[in-house]
């Protein structure tokens, strides 16, 4: 798009220091969707797609309104920030109608000036804007042969997408089967404009991770490091949301895969001997990132910390090298397991034949989760298991969020890890089959170690993959950045992040 066109194209932006996102991104998404639908043999001319956006809600029985974040399918198609909207797409022509709530004048007192319909039309670059109460009559005027509604299973959450509903919908012919698989498949393959937003979000999150890496000191609370990440992403990148709950695991908390939840709210005090695992990702304009960095709180790797870290790094690089069109995600998961088992065997932590270990799924004792997942408008993005792609029922592998063969424009995370999880290792040591692969005295050395995960965000290209996350990964580069943070602190003691100075 030319510079002149960009100046006249409606955009989303939170300031000159943030990325302007043109509404053309959503117009292109809608065009892609219409093209796919028309190519489907079940498509009927005159069909109209109808989507319902996210609704405003309050917290439990109170009148407190949680900060609204748009439903991802609706955002992908329209980019609308407001609650309680609908959108219709006439598939034959691509004409788009946005339906917005008809709010009482008193609303302006509490929530700001009401926008006219023309303002919504200009803001979101749609063809028409009408009020929600008129949705039935407006749709009737379109004379649709059928309304295509979004209804299908999210294979990550196990939940169904919400089908649009309104008073009078029973008067229309409804198809709830055609749209979901086609729209989910559109979301799997990112457009050039979508990739630019994802690169931006990954860039902001990478810079925030580097800040935390420089500022961490023994004696700080895990949540203080979380707060540094959140503040950087919002202040410098306009990321009002994060893509998921921040995981700031120090020491043995690094072995809890989804640490940081409300029952364990990143509350531990970081110790000098801790290996830390920080899994955090900002979100900009409903496009996500997901990056994990692991490093020692002290700024210097011990021999054991380096051993485990470099085993995971070797697996990460092997998977990245193999991530290209035609590669199968299950095979890459198994590659990560094989590399890590080879390294653990060389270190004397496991023993026996690696092929035999693979048959007995020993790798799942140290990496019980899947290799990675799709990423986009949701951090665990849709489309992992479309019709014809089956989940493999085996330890570790069954946790994969997709089993697909890679294709260009897919965006995924690569996140191998090695964890010392008592809930897995203790039963394995008592198991006749599994215990023969484990070296108890070596495992005892890693009691309380936690874990290491290295998570990168990539996009599959025509001949390989592009790395979107940009953080130090070698031991030498990590130690150099952490040393730089300490030099900066020494040069400017008033900016020290030590716990006493933060309180």
Protein backbone atom coordinates (compact mmCIF):
# COMPACT_ATOMS: atom_id res chain seq x y z
CA UNK A 1 0.00 0.00 0.00
CA UNK A 2 1.38 3.43 -0.94
CA UNK A 3 2.10 6.13 1.64
CA UNK A 4 -0.73 8.29 0.24
CA UNK A 5 -3.17 5.40 0.50
CA UNK A 6 -2.08 4.68 4.07
CA UNK A 7 -2.82 8.31 5.06
CA UNK A 8 -6.44 7.94 3.95
CA UNK A 9 -6.91 4.35 5.11
CA UNK A 10 -8.58 4.10 8.55
CA UNK A 11 -6.14 2.59 11.00
CA UNK A 12 -5.86 1.41 14.57
CA UNK A 13 -3.00 2.98 16.49
CA UNK A 14 -2.22 3.99 20.06
CA UNK A 15 0.27 6.70 19.18
CA UNK A 16 3.17 7.45 16.89
CA UNK A 17 5.38 4.99 18.77
CA UNK A 18 2.97 2.10 18.09
CA UNK A 19 2.12 0.21 14.92
CA UNK A 20 -0.66 1.63 12.73
CA UNK A 21 -2.85 -1.25 11.58
CA UNK A 22 -4.96 -0.51 8.49
CA UNK A 23 -8.56 -1.63 8.36
CA UNK A 24 -7.59 -3.09 5.00
CA UNK A 25 -6.28 -6.04 7.03
CA UNK A 26 -9.86 -7.01 7.89
CA UNK A 27 -11.17 -6.23 4.40
CA UNK A 28 -8.58 -8.66 3.03
CA UNK A 29 -9.55 -11.25 5.65
CA UNK A 30 -13.19 -10.99 4.63
CA UNK A 31 -12.23 -11.35 0.96
CA UNK A 32 -10.19 -14.45 1.76
CA UNK A 33 -13.16 -15.91 3.64
CA UNK A 34 -15.60 -15.23 0.80
CA UNK A 35 -13.20 -16.78 -1.70
CA UNK A 36 -12.94 -19.97 0.38
CA UNK A 37 -16.67 -20.19 0.91
CA UNK A 38 -17.47 -19.78 -2.79
CA UNK A 39 -15.00 -22.57 -3.59
CA UNK A 40 -16.82 -24.97 -1.26
CA UNK A 41 -19.18 -27.32 -3.10
CA UNK A 42 -21.83 -26.81 -0.39
CA UNK A 43 -21.92 -23.04 -0.90
CA UNK A 44 -25.19 -21.51 -2.08
CA UNK A 45 -25.31 -18.25 -4.00
CA UNK A 46 -26.94 -15.49 -1.96
CA UNK A 47 -25.45 -16.68 1.34
CA UNK A 48 -24.78 -14.12 4.08
CA UNK A 49 -22.26 -14.66 6.86
CA UNK A 50 -23.51 -13.39 10.22
CA UNK A 51 -21.14 -13.07 13.17
CA UNK A 52 -21.89 -11.90 16.69
CA UNK A 53 -19.18 -10.03 18.58
CA UNK A 54 -18.34 -10.22 22.24
CA UNK A 55 -20.85 -8.98 24.80
CA UNK A 56 -20.41 -6.56 27.67
CA UNK A 57 -20.63 -8.28 31.03
CA UNK A 58 -20.16 -7.64 34.73
CA UNK A 59 -18.14 -9.50 37.31
CA UNK A 60 -20.33 -12.07 39.06
CA UNK A 61 -23.30 -10.28 40.67
CA UNK A 62 -21.57 -6.88 40.83
CA UNK A 63 -21.80 -3.95 38.41
CA UNK A 64 -18.05 -3.96 37.82
CA UNK A 65 -17.27 -4.30 34.12
CA UNK A 66 -14.08 -6.24 33.31
CA UNK A 67 -12.00 -4.66 30.54
CA UNK A 68 -13.52 -5.87 27.28
CA UNK A 69 -11.49 -7.79 24.72
CA UNK A 70 -13.18 -8.61 21.42
CA UNK A 71 -14.09 -12.18 20.45
CA UNK A 72 -11.33 -13.39 18.16
CA UNK A 73 -13.32 -14.50 15.10
CA UNK A 74 -15.21 -11.19 15.12
CA UNK A 75 -12.01 -9.23 15.48
CA UNK A 76 -10.38 -11.16 12.64
CA UNK A 77 -13.24 -10.23 10.32
CA UNK A 78 -14.06 -6.68 11.42
CA UNK A 79 -11.48 -5.24 13.86
CA UNK A 80 -14.28 -3.72 15.93
CA UNK A 81 -13.28 -2.66 19.45
CA UNK A 82 -16.77 -2.05 20.86
CA UNK A 83 -19.02 -4.57 22.61
CA UNK A 84 -22.38 -6.01 21.58
CA UNK A 85 -22.00 -5.71 17.80
CA UNK A 86 -22.90 -7.96 14.88
CA UNK A 87 -21.44 -8.12 11.39
CA UNK A 88 -22.89 -9.40 8.11
CA UNK A 89 -20.93 -10.26 4.96
CA UNK A 90 -22.79 -10.81 1.67
CA UNK A 91 -20.57 -13.53 0.27
CA UNK A 92 -21.39 -13.01 -3.42
CA UNK A 93 -20.28 -9.37 -3.39
CA UNK A 94 -18.25 -9.01 -0.19
CA UNK A 95 -20.49 -6.13 0.95
CA UNK A 96 -20.28 -5.72 4.71
CA UNK A 97 -22.79 -4.37 7.21
CA UNK A 98 -21.86 -3.64 10.80
CA UNK A 99 -24.60 -3.58 13.43
CA UNK A 100 -23.90 -1.47 16.53
CA UNK A 101 -25.93 -1.02 19.73
CA UNK A 102 -28.48 1.82 19.82
CA UNK A 103 -27.48 3.46 23.07
CA UNK A 104 -29.54 5.90 25.15
CA UNK A 105 -28.37 9.53 25.28
CA UNK A 106 -27.63 9.16 29.00
CA UNK A 107 -24.86 6.72 28.06
CA UNK A 108 -22.74 9.67 26.93
CA UNK A 109 -22.59 11.03 30.50
CA UNK A 110 -20.80 7.95 31.76
CA UNK A 111 -19.00 6.54 28.73
CA UNK A 112 -18.36 9.46 26.39
CA UNK A 113 -19.86 11.00 23.26
CA UNK A 114 -22.04 8.65 21.21
CA UNK A 115 -20.71 7.89 17.75
CA UNK A 116 -22.95 8.36 14.74
CA UNK A 117 -23.42 5.53 12.26
CA UNK A 118 -21.26 7.34 9.71
CA UNK A 119 -18.42 7.52 12.24
CA UNK A 120 -18.49 3.74 12.66
CA UNK A 121 -18.56 3.33 8.88
CA UNK A 122 -15.47 5.50 8.50
CA UNK A 123 -13.66 4.04 11.52
CA UNK A 124 -13.96 0.43 10.37
CA UNK A 125 -14.10 0.90 6.59
CA UNK A 126 -17.31 -1.10 6.14
CA UNK A 127 -20.00 -0.56 3.51
CA UNK A 128 -22.98 -0.01 5.78
CA UNK A 129 -23.70 0.49 9.49
CA UNK A 130 -27.09 -0.14 11.10
CA UNK A 131 -28.38 -0.48 14.64
CA UNK A 132 -28.68 -3.90 16.27
CA UNK A 133 -32.46 -3.60 16.89
CA UNK A 134 -32.91 -3.35 13.11
CA UNK A 135 -30.90 -6.47 12.32
CA UNK A 136 -33.87 -8.64 11.35
CA UNK A 137 -35.35 -6.12 8.92
CA UNK A 138 -31.98 -5.24 7.38
CA UNK A 139 -31.13 -8.91 6.82
CA UNK A 140 -34.56 -9.48 5.32
CA UNK A 141 -33.80 -6.73 2.84
CA UNK A 142 -30.65 -8.58 1.75
CA UNK A 143 -32.84 -11.54 0.72
CA UNK A 144 -30.29 -14.17 1.82
CA UNK A 145 -30.75 -17.73 0.62
CA UNK A 146 -29.17 -18.80 3.91
CA UNK A 147 -27.44 -17.26 6.94
CA UNK A 148 -24.05 -18.84 7.58
CA UNK A 149 -23.48 -18.95 11.33
CA UNK A 150 -20.29 -19.74 13.24
CA UNK A 151 -20.65 -22.97 15.17
CA UNK A 152 -17.83 -25.42 15.78
CA UNK A 153 -15.39 -26.93 18.24
CA UNK A 154 -12.24 -25.20 19.42
CA UNK A 155 -9.90 -28.20 19.69
CA UNK A 156 -7.67 -26.41 22.23
CA UNK A 157 -10.33 -25.48 24.76
CA UNK A 158 -12.89 -28.15 23.95
CA UNK A 159 -15.51 -25.38 23.84
CA UNK A 160 -17.89 -24.50 21.03
CA UNK A 161 -17.84 -21.14 19.30
CA UNK A 162 -20.91 -19.05 19.97
CA UNK A 163 -23.50 -19.01 17.22
CA UNK A 164 -25.07 -15.62 16.43
CA UNK A 165 -28.58 -15.16 17.77
CA UNK A 166 -31.15 -12.34 17.59
CA UNK A 167 -34.90 -11.86 17.80
CA UNK A 168 -36.39 -13.04 14.54
CA UNK A 169 -33.59 -15.37 13.45
CA UNK A 170 -36.08 -18.24 13.21
CA UNK A 171 -37.53 -16.56 10.11
CA UNK A 172 -34.31 -17.23 8.17
CA UNK A 173 -32.79 -20.35 6.67
CA UNK A 174 -29.72 -21.26 8.77
CA UNK A 175 -26.50 -23.18 8.00
CA UNK A 176 -24.33 -23.83 11.08
CA UNK A 177 -21.88 -26.26 9.47
CA UNK A 178 -20.23 -24.57 6.49
CA UNK A 179 -18.69 -21.45 8.03
CA UNK A 180 -16.64 -22.64 11.01
CA UNK A 181 -14.12 -24.94 9.28
CA UNK A 182 -13.57 -22.46 6.45
CA UNK A 183 -13.10 -19.48 8.77
CA UNK A 184 -10.82 -21.42 11.12
CA UNK A 185 -8.70 -22.45 8.14
CA UNK A 186 -8.45 -18.82 7.01
CA UNK A 187 -7.10 -17.92 10.45
CA UNK A 188 -4.41 -20.60 10.22
CA UNK A 189 -2.75 -18.84 7.26
CA UNK A 190 -1.73 -15.27 8.02
CA UNK A 191 -1.82 -12.45 5.49
CA UNK A 192 1.12 -10.08 5.00
CA UNK A 193 -0.64 -7.43 7.10
CA UNK A 194 -1.36 -9.90 9.88
CA UNK A 195 2.29 -10.97 9.89
CA UNK A 196 3.35 -7.36 10.33
CA UNK A 197 1.20 -7.05 13.46
CA UNK A 198 2.55 -10.33 14.83
CA UNK A 199 6.15 -9.23 14.16
CA UNK A 200 5.44 -6.00 16.01
CA UNK A 201 3.89 -7.77 19.00
CA UNK A 202 6.77 -10.25 19.16
CA UNK A 203 9.25 -7.38 18.95
CA UNK A 204 7.69 -5.50 21.86
CA UNK A 205 7.51 -8.67 23.96
CA UNK A 206 11.12 -9.54 23.12
CA UNK A 207 12.29 -6.12 24.28
CA UNK A 208 10.28 -6.50 27.50
CA UNK A 209 11.87 -9.89 28.16
CA UNK A 210 15.32 -8.37 27.70
CA UNK A 211 14.47 -5.64 30.20
CA UNK A 212 13.45 -8.24 32.79
CA UNK A 213 16.62 -10.20 32.08
CA UNK A 214 18.68 -7.08 32.81
CA UNK A 215 16.73 -6.05 35.93
CA UNK A 216 16.28 -9.35 37.77
CA UNK A 217 18.06 -9.57 41.13
CA UNK A 218 17.90 -12.10 43.94
CA UNK A 219 15.51 -10.83 46.60
CA UNK A 220 12.91 -9.56 44.15
CA UNK A 221 9.44 -11.03 44.01
CA UNK A 222 8.39 -12.93 40.90
CA UNK A 223 5.42 -10.59 40.49
CA UNK A 224 7.73 -7.57 40.42
CA UNK A 225 9.40 -9.04 37.37
CA UNK A 226 5.98 -9.70 35.87
CA UNK A 227 5.11 -6.04 36.49
CA UNK A 228 8.25 -4.87 34.66
CA UNK A 229 7.17 -6.88 31.63
CA UNK A 230 3.58 -5.61 31.73
CA UNK A 231 4.62 -1.99 32.14
CA UNK A 232 7.09 -2.12 29.26
CA UNK A 233 4.62 -3.74 26.86
CA UNK A 234 1.89 -1.21 27.64
CA UNK A 235 3.98 1.96 27.92
CA UNK A 236 6.23 1.28 24.96
CA UNK A 237 4.08 -0.90 22.72
CA UNK A 238 0.45 -0.07 23.47
CA UNK A 239 -0.18 -3.64 24.60
CA UNK A 240 -3.03 -3.12 27.06
CA UNK A 241 -3.57 -6.86 27.25
CA UNK A 242 -1.23 -9.79 27.59
CA UNK A 243 -1.87 -12.93 25.57
CA UNK A 244 -2.17 -15.12 28.68
CA UNK A 245 -1.41 -15.09 32.40
CA UNK A 246 2.30 -14.40 32.91
CA UNK A 247 4.34 -17.37 34.15
CA UNK A 248 7.25 -16.16 36.31
CA UNK A 249 8.60 -19.34 37.84
CA UNK A 250 11.81 -19.19 39.87
CA UNK A 251 13.45 -22.28 41.33
CA UNK A 252 11.09 -25.22 41.67
CA UNK A 253 8.18 -23.11 40.38
CA UNK A 254 9.73 -23.49 36.94
CA UNK A 255 8.55 -27.11 36.97
CA UNK A 256 4.90 -26.01 37.20
CA UNK A 257 3.90 -25.65 33.56
CA UNK A 258 1.17 -23.04 34.08
CA UNK A 259 2.47 -21.40 37.25
CA UNK A 260 1.26 -17.87 37.94
CA UNK A 261 -2.45 -18.64 38.27
CA UNK A 262 -4.56 -17.06 41.04
CA UNK A 263 -3.68 -19.83 43.50
CA UNK A 264 0.07 -19.36 42.91
CA UNK A 265 0.31 -15.73 41.79
CA UNK A 266 4.02 -15.31 41.01
CA UNK A 267 4.59 -14.70 44.72
CA UNK A 268 7.91 -16.39 45.54
CA UNK A 269 11.05 -14.45 46.42
CA UNK A 270 13.77 -15.09 43.85
CA UNK A 271 16.86 -16.77 45.31
CA UNK A 272 20.44 -16.36 44.06
CA UNK A 273 20.67 -20.06 43.21
CA UNK A 274 17.41 -20.16 41.24
CA UNK A 275 17.03 -21.03 37.59
CA UNK A 276 14.15 -18.87 36.34
CA UNK A 277 11.56 -19.62 33.66
CA UNK A 278 9.61 -16.59 32.44
CA UNK A 279 6.86 -17.26 29.92
CA UNK A 280 5.20 -13.96 28.97
CA UNK A 281 3.68 -12.47 25.83
CA UNK A 282 2.10 -9.13 25.05
CA UNK A 283 -0.96 -8.66 22.87
CA UNK A 284 -1.53 -5.75 20.49
CA UNK A 285 -4.84 -5.22 18.72
CA UNK A 286 -5.89 -8.81 19.51
CA UNK A 287 -2.72 -10.26 17.94
CA UNK A 288 -0.61 -12.24 20.36
CA UNK A 289 2.93 -13.32 21.17
CA UNK A 290 4.26 -16.14 23.34
CA UNK A 291 7.92 -16.11 24.39
CA UNK A 292 9.73 -18.02 27.13
CA UNK A 293 13.20 -17.19 28.45
CA UNK A 294 15.09 -19.27 31.02
CA UNK A 295 18.18 -18.02 32.85
CA UNK A 296 19.84 -17.97 36.29
CA UNK A 297 18.84 -15.27 38.77
CA UNK A 298 22.51 -14.77 39.59
CA UNK A 299 23.41 -13.81 36.02
CA UNK A 300 25.87 -16.69 35.73
CA UNK A 301 24.99 -20.28 34.77
CA UNK A 302 26.20 -23.05 37.05
CA UNK A 303 27.44 -26.24 35.39
CA UNK A 304 24.09 -28.01 35.92
CA UNK A 305 22.05 -25.00 34.80
CA UNK A 306 24.14 -24.76 31.65
CA UNK A 307 23.83 -28.49 31.01
CA UNK A 308 20.03 -28.49 31.02
CA UNK A 309 19.75 -25.15 29.24
CA UNK A 310 22.00 -26.14 26.36
CA UNK A 311 20.18 -29.47 25.96
CA UNK A 312 16.93 -27.56 25.43
CA UNK A 313 18.63 -25.02 23.17
CA UNK A 314 20.00 -27.84 21.00
CA UNK A 315 16.48 -29.27 20.64
CA UNK A 316 15.09 -25.82 19.81
CA UNK A 317 17.61 -25.29 17.04
CA UNK A 318 17.07 -28.77 15.63
CA UNK A 319 13.32 -28.13 15.41
CA UNK A 320 13.82 -24.69 13.86
CA UNK A 321 16.07 -26.20 11.21
CA UNK A 322 13.40 -28.79 10.44
CA UNK A 323 10.49 -26.32 10.42
CA UNK A 324 9.68 -25.94 6.73
CA UNK A 325 6.82 -26.74 4.36
CA UNK A 326 6.12 -30.47 4.27
CA UNK A 327 7.44 -31.18 7.78
CA UNK A 328 5.00 -32.85 10.15
CA UNK A 329 4.54 -31.32 13.61
CA UNK A 330 4.35 -34.71 15.35
CA UNK A 331 7.69 -35.68 13.81
CA UNK A 332 9.23 -32.41 14.99
CA UNK A 333 7.92 -33.03 18.51
CA UNK A 334 9.58 -36.43 18.48
CA UNK A 335 12.78 -34.85 17.16
CA UNK A 336 12.85 -32.49 20.16
CA UNK A 337 12.34 -35.44 22.50
CA UNK A 338 15.12 -37.42 20.85
CA UNK A 339 17.65 -34.58 21.03
CA UNK A 340 16.86 -33.90 24.68
CA UNK A 341 17.12 -37.58 25.61
CA UNK A 342 20.47 -37.82 23.84
CA UNK A 343 21.73 -34.85 25.87
CA UNK A 344 20.33 -36.20 29.14
CA UNK A 345 21.99 -39.54 28.44
CA UNK A 346 25.32 -37.85 27.74
CA UNK A 347 24.96 -36.06 31.08
CA UNK A 348 24.28 -39.34 32.94
CA UNK A 349 20.71 -38.42 33.94
CA UNK A 350 19.12 -41.18 31.87
CA UNK A 351 20.63 -44.42 30.58
CA UNK A 352 19.98 -47.07 27.97
CA UNK A 353 19.25 -47.01 24.28
CA UNK A 354 17.62 -43.78 23.07
CA UNK A 355 15.46 -45.65 20.54
CA UNK A 356 14.18 -47.80 23.40
CA UNK A 357 13.52 -44.68 25.47
CA UNK A 358 11.51 -43.22 22.58
CA UNK A 359 9.37 -46.37 22.39
CA UNK A 360 8.63 -46.08 26.10
CA UNK A 361 7.95 -42.34 25.90
CA UNK A 362 10.65 -41.48 28.45
CA UNK A 363 10.86 -38.01 26.90
CA UNK A 364 7.37 -37.24 28.21
CA UNK A 365 8.67 -37.59 31.77
CA UNK A 366 10.82 -34.51 31.17
CA UNK A 367 8.61 -32.71 28.60
CA UNK A 368 4.97 -33.63 29.21
CA UNK A 369 3.57 -30.85 27.02
CA UNK A 370 3.49 -30.53 23.26
CA UNK A 371 6.20 -28.91 21.16
CA UNK A 372 4.16 -25.81 20.38
CA UNK A 373 0.97 -24.42 18.90
CA UNK A 374 -0.55 -22.11 16.33
CA UNK A 375 -0.57 -18.43 17.30
CA UNK A 376 -2.58 -15.47 16.02
CA UNK A 377 -5.68 -13.74 17.36
CA UNK A 378 -5.58 -16.33 20.15
CA UNK A 379 -2.32 -17.43 21.71
CA UNK A 380 -3.45 -21.03 21.20
CA UNK A 381 -4.88 -20.27 17.80
CA UNK A 382 -7.56 -22.24 16.01
CA UNK A 383 -7.26 -24.86 13.30
CA UNK A 384 -5.02 -27.39 15.01
CA UNK A 385 -7.17 -30.42 14.29
CA UNK A 386 -9.38 -29.91 11.24
CA UNK A 387 -11.31 -32.82 9.76
CA UNK A 388 -8.89 -35.55 8.72
CA UNK A 389 -6.14 -34.64 11.21
CA UNK A 390 -6.20 -37.00 14.18
CA UNK A 391 -4.63 -36.58 17.61
CA UNK A 392 -1.98 -39.22 18.40
CA UNK A 393 -2.81 -40.95 21.69
CA UNK A 394 0.57 -41.34 23.36
CA UNK A 395 2.28 -39.67 26.35
CA UNK A 396 3.45 -36.17 25.51
CA UNK A 397 2.32 -36.40 21.89
CA UNK A 398 -1.35 -36.37 22.87
CA UNK A 399 -0.75 -32.89 24.34
CA UNK A 400 0.15 -31.49 20.92
CA UNK A 401 -2.22 -28.69 19.96
CA UNK A 402 -1.83 -29.61 16.29
CA UNK A 403 -0.62 -32.62 14.32
CA UNK A 404 -0.61 -30.90 10.95
CA UNK A 405 1.93 -30.82 8.16
CA UNK A 406 3.52 -27.38 7.98
CA UNK A 407 2.65 -24.94 5.18
CA UNK A 408 3.75 -21.38 4.38
CA UNK A 409 2.10 -18.60 6.45
CA UNK A 410 1.41 -20.80 9.44
CA UNK A 411 2.56 -19.10 12.66
CA UNK A 412 3.63 -21.38 15.50
CA UNK A 413 5.57 -21.50 18.72
CA UNK A 414 8.55 -23.82 19.21
CA UNK A 415 8.88 -24.53 22.93
CA UNK A 416 10.80 -27.63 23.99
CA UNK A 417 11.67 -27.94 27.65
CA UNK A 418 13.19 -30.13 30.32
CA UNK A 419 11.54 -30.13 33.75
CA UNK A 420 12.13 -32.06 36.93
CA UNK A 421 8.54 -32.63 38.04
CA UNK A 422 8.17 -34.81 41.15
CA UNK A 423 4.62 -35.81 40.18
CA UNK A 424 6.05 -37.48 37.06
CA UNK A 425 9.48 -38.65 38.13
CA UNK A 426 8.57 -40.23 41.47
CA UNK A 427 6.02 -42.68 39.97
CA UNK A 428 8.44 -43.40 37.10
CA UNK A 429 11.17 -44.36 39.56
CA UNK A 430 8.76 -46.94 41.01
CA UNK A 431 7.73 -48.24 37.59
CA UNK A 432 9.52 -51.41 36.48
CA UNK A 433 9.66 -50.41 32.82
CA UNK A 434 10.49 -46.72 33.14
CA UNK A 435 12.86 -46.88 36.13
CA UNK A 436 15.50 -48.78 34.16
CA UNK A 437 16.07 -45.65 32.06
CA UNK A 438 16.48 -43.29 35.02
CA UNK A 439 19.58 -42.62 37.14
CA UNK A 440 18.20 -41.90 40.65
CA UNK A 441 21.35 -40.35 42.10
CA UNK A 442 21.63 -37.97 39.14
CA UNK A 443 17.96 -37.00 39.37
CA UNK A 444 18.41 -36.32 43.09
CA UNK A 445 20.92 -33.64 42.12
CA UNK A 446 18.15 -31.75 40.30
CA UNK A 447 15.56 -31.87 43.08
CA UNK A 448 14.11 -28.36 43.35
CA UNK A 449 15.80 -27.30 40.09
CA UNK A 450 12.50 -26.51 38.37
CA UNK A 451 12.82 -26.48 34.62
CA UNK A 452 14.02 -24.84 31.44
CA UNK A 453 11.83 -23.90 28.50
CA UNK A 454 12.91 -21.97 25.41
CA UNK A 455 10.01 -20.67 23.38
CA UNK A 456 10.33 -19.02 19.99
CA UNK A 457 7.65 -17.60 17.69
CA UNK A 458 8.06 -18.47 14.01
CA UNK A 459 6.26 -18.14 10.69
CA UNK A 460 6.69 -20.83 8.07
CA UNK A 461 8.10 -19.44 4.81
CA UNK A 462 8.38 -20.96 1.35
CA UNK A 463 11.65 -22.70 2.20
CA UNK A 464 12.00 -22.69 5.98
CA UNK A 465 10.91 -20.43 8.81
CA UNK A 466 11.31 -16.84 9.98
CA UNK A 467 12.08 -16.16 13.64
CA UNK A 468 9.88 -13.37 15.05
CA UNK A 469 11.04 -13.47 18.68
CA UNK A 470 14.41 -11.75 19.18
CA UNK A 471 15.99 -12.44 22.58
CA UNK A 472 19.42 -13.70 23.68
CA UNK A 473 19.55 -17.50 23.50
CA UNK A 474 23.13 -18.67 23.98
CA UNK A 475 24.59 -18.88 27.46
CA UNK A 476 27.19 -16.30 26.49
CA UNK A 477 24.65 -13.81 25.12
CA UNK A 478 22.38 -14.18 28.16
CA UNK A 479 25.22 -13.67 30.61
CA UNK A 480 26.44 -10.66 28.62
CA UNK A 481 23.02 -8.95 28.71
CA UNK A 482 22.58 -9.65 32.42
CA UNK A 483 26.06 -8.24 33.09
CA UNK A 484 25.11 -5.15 31.08
CA UNK A 485 22.13 -4.64 33.37
CA UNK A 486 24.37 -4.77 36.41
CA UNK A 487 26.79 -2.26 34.87
CA UNK A 488 23.89 0.10 34.17
CA UNK A 489 22.77 -0.25 37.78
CA UNK A 490 26.27 0.51 39.05
CA UNK A 491 26.43 3.60 36.86
CA UNK A 492 23.01 4.82 38.01
CA UNK A 493 22.36 3.49 41.52
CA UNK A 494 19.11 5.46 41.91
CA UNK A 495 17.55 3.30 39.18
CA UNK A 496 18.39 0.02 40.93
CA UNK A 497 15.56 -2.54 40.81
CA UNK A 498 16.50 -4.06 44.15
CA UNK A 499 13.50 -4.97 46.28
CA UNK A 500 14.16 -2.29 48.91
CA UNK A 501 14.19 0.45 46.24
CA UNK A 502 10.95 -0.76 44.68
CA UNK A 503 8.95 -0.56 47.89
